[in-house]
Amino acid sequence: MATFTSSLPDDLLEDLSKMAKELKMPKNKILEKALKIYLEQLDKAAYLKSYRKMANDPDILALAEEGMADYFKQLEDLEAE
C-alpha cells in the first residue's frame, strides 16, 4: 500500500478526529472509505453525462429503437409457443 500525505483545514481534521473516536476507526480508514464513495459518485456522474449526451444522438436512438423492436419480437415469439 502506498503512502499519501496531504493537508486538511483544521476544522475538517478536527471533525475527522471526532468521528474516528466515535466510530473507533483509524482516520485513514475513514478517509479511504469516503474517497472511494466520492470516486464512485464521480464515475456515476460521468456515466449519467454520457447517457444524456447519447439521448440526443440520432444514431444511438435509432440503434436503441432497432434493438427494442428485436426484443419485442422475441417476446411475441415466446408468447406464441
C-alpha atoms as a PDB file:
ATOM      1  CA  MET A   1       0.000   0.000   0.000  1.00  0.00           C
ATOM      2  CA  ALA A   2       1.352   3.414  -0.936  1.00  0.00           C
ATOM      3  CA  THR A   3       1.656   6.320   1.495  1.00  0.00           C
ATOM      4  CA  PHE A   4      -0.052   9.601   0.730  1.00  0.00           C
ATOM      5  CA  THR A   5       0.478  12.835   2.625  1.00  0.00           C
ATOM      6  CA  SER A   6      -1.915  15.768   2.464  1.00  0.00           C
ATOM      7  CA  SER A   7      -3.057  18.847   4.339  1.00  0.00           C
ATOM      8  CA  LEU A   8      -6.586  19.439   5.580  1.00  0.00           C
ATOM      9  CA  PRO A   9      -8.251  22.516   7.047  1.00  0.00           C
ATOM     10  CA  ASP A  10      -8.128  22.465  10.850  1.00  0.00           C
ATOM     11  CA  ASP A  11     -11.896  22.239  11.278  1.00  0.00           C
ATOM     12  CA  LEU A  12     -12.144  19.297   8.885  1.00  0.00           C
ATOM     13  CA  LEU A  13      -9.309  17.475  10.622  1.00  0.00           C
ATOM     14  CA  GLU A  14     -10.999  18.092  13.975  1.00  0.00           C
ATOM     15  CA  ASP A  15     -14.283  16.652  12.641  1.00  0.00           C
ATOM     16  CA  LEU A  16     -12.389  13.671  11.259  1.00  0.00           C
ATOM     17  CA  SER A  17     -10.687  13.064  14.605  1.00  0.00           C
ATOM     18  CA  LYS A  18     -14.007  13.221  16.468  1.00  0.00           C
ATOM     19  CA  MET A  19     -15.620  10.816  14.034  1.00  0.00           C
ATOM     20  CA  ALA A  20     -12.664   8.427  14.252  1.00  0.00           C
ATOM     21  CA  LYS A  21     -13.023   8.315  18.035  1.00  0.00           C
ATOM     22  CA  GLU A  22     -16.786   7.905  17.785  1.00  0.00           C
ATOM     23  CA  LEU A  23     -16.525   5.060  15.290  1.00  0.00           C
ATOM     24  CA  LYS A  24     -13.400   3.614  16.902  1.00  0.00           C
ATOM     25  CA  MET A  25     -11.834   3.585  13.477  1.00  0.00           C
ATOM     26  CA  PRO A  26      -8.500   4.977  12.222  1.00  0.00           C
ATOM     27  CA  LYS A  27      -8.709   8.289  10.389  1.00  0.00           C
ATOM     28  CA  ASN A  28      -7.041   6.828   7.322  1.00  0.00           C
ATOM     29  CA  LYS A  29      -9.779   4.169   7.034  1.00  0.00           C
ATOM     30  CA  ILE A  30     -12.493   6.829   7.204  1.00  0.00           C
ATOM     31  CA  LEU A  31     -10.716   8.849   4.534  1.00  0.00           C
ATOM     32  CA  GLU A  32     -10.229   5.730   2.403  1.00  0.00           C
ATOM     33  CA  LYS A  33     -13.929   4.845   2.556  1.00  0.00           C
ATOM     34  CA  ALA A  34     -15.018   8.445   1.952  1.00  0.00           C
ATOM     35  CA  LEU A  35     -12.708   8.809  -1.040  1.00  0.00           C
ATOM     36  CA  LYS A  36     -13.894   5.515  -2.501  1.00  0.00           C
ATOM     37  CA  ILE A  37     -17.539   6.639  -2.228  1.00  0.00           C
ATOM     38  CA  TYR A  38     -16.712  10.027  -3.730  1.00  0.00           C
ATOM     39  CA  LEU A  39     -14.857   8.499  -6.685  1.00  0.00           C
ATOM     40  CA  GLU A  40     -17.762   6.116  -7.308  1.00  0.00           C
ATOM     41  CA  GLN A  41     -20.115   9.117  -7.376  1.00  0.00           C
ATOM     42  CA  LEU A  42     -17.856  10.837  -9.915  1.00  0.00           C
ATOM     43  CA  ASP A  43     -17.978   7.705 -12.099  1.00  0.00           C
ATOM     44  CA  LYS A  44     -21.765   7.614 -11.857  1.00  0.00           C
ATOM     45  CA  ALA A  45     -21.951  11.287 -12.800  1.00  0.00           C
ATOM     46  CA  ALA A  46     -19.727  10.657 -15.828  1.00  0.00           C
ATOM     47  CA  TYR A  47     -21.931   7.748 -16.938  1.00  0.00           C
ATOM     48  CA  LEU A  48     -25.038   9.877 -16.489  1.00  0.00           C
ATOM     49  CA  LYS A  49     -23.494  12.660 -18.544  1.00  0.00           C
ATOM     50  CA  SER A  50     -22.608  10.234 -21.341  1.00  0.00           C
ATOM     51  CA  TYR A  51     -26.120   8.744 -21.335  1.00  0.00           C
ATOM     52  CA  ARG A  52     -27.643  12.195 -21.523  1.00  0.00           C
ATOM     53  CA  LYS A  53     -25.350  13.015 -24.418  1.00  0.00           C
ATOM     54  CA  MET A  54     -26.318   9.788 -26.194  1.00  0.00           C
ATOM     55  CA  ALA A  55     -30.021  10.526 -25.661  1.00  0.00           C
ATOM     56  CA  ASN A  56     -29.706  13.356 -28.164  1.00  0.00           C
ATOM     57  CA  ASP A  57     -27.699  11.356 -30.698  1.00  0.00           C
ATOM     58  CA  PRO A  58     -29.988  10.275 -33.564  1.00  0.00           C
ATOM     59  CA  ASP A  59     -27.762   7.311 -34.491  1.00  0.00           C
ATOM     60  CA  ILE A  60     -27.786   5.949 -30.941  1.00  0.00           C
ATOM     61  CA  LEU A  61     -31.545   6.454 -30.705  1.00  0.00           C
ATOM     62  CA  ALA A  62     -32.093   4.563 -33.958  1.00  0.00           C
ATOM     63  CA  LEU A  63     -29.870   1.733 -32.746  1.00  0.00           C
ATOM     64  CA  ALA A  64     -31.762   1.517 -29.451  1.00  0.00           C
ATOM     65  CA  GLU A  65     -35.134   1.532 -31.187  1.00  0.00           C
ATOM     66  CA  GLU A  66     -33.983  -1.202 -33.543  1.00  0.00           C
ATOM     67  CA  GLY A  67     -32.850  -3.270 -30.574  1.00  0.00           C
ATOM     68  CA  MET A  68     -36.200  -2.777 -28.832  1.00  0.00           C
ATOM     69  CA  ALA A  69     -38.047  -3.971 -31.931  1.00  0.00           C
ATOM     70  CA  ASP A  70     -35.969  -7.163 -31.946  1.00  0.00           C
ATOM     71  CA  TYR A  71     -36.586  -7.671 -28.229  1.00  0.00           C
ATOM     72  CA  PHE A  72     -40.339  -7.142 -28.674  1.00  0.00           C
ATOM     73  CA  LYS A  73     -40.371  -9.717 -31.499  1.00  0.00           C
ATOM     74  CA  GLN A  74     -38.607 -12.243 -29.279  1.00  0.00           C
ATOM     75  CA  LEU A  75     -41.239 -11.706 -26.581  1.00  0.00           C
ATOM     76  CA  GLU A  76     -44.027 -12.215 -29.115  1.00  0.00           C
ATOM     77  CA  ASP A  77     -42.360 -15.425 -30.320  1.00  0.00           C
ATOM     78  CA  LEU A  78     -42.152 -16.716 -26.743  1.00  0.00           C
ATOM     79  CA  GLU A  79     -45.837 -15.986 -26.155  1.00  0.00           C
ATOM     80  CA  ALA A  80     -46.753 -17.862 -29.345  1.00  0.00           C
ATOM     81  CA  GLU A  81     -45.075 -21.052 -28.116  1.00  0.00           C
END
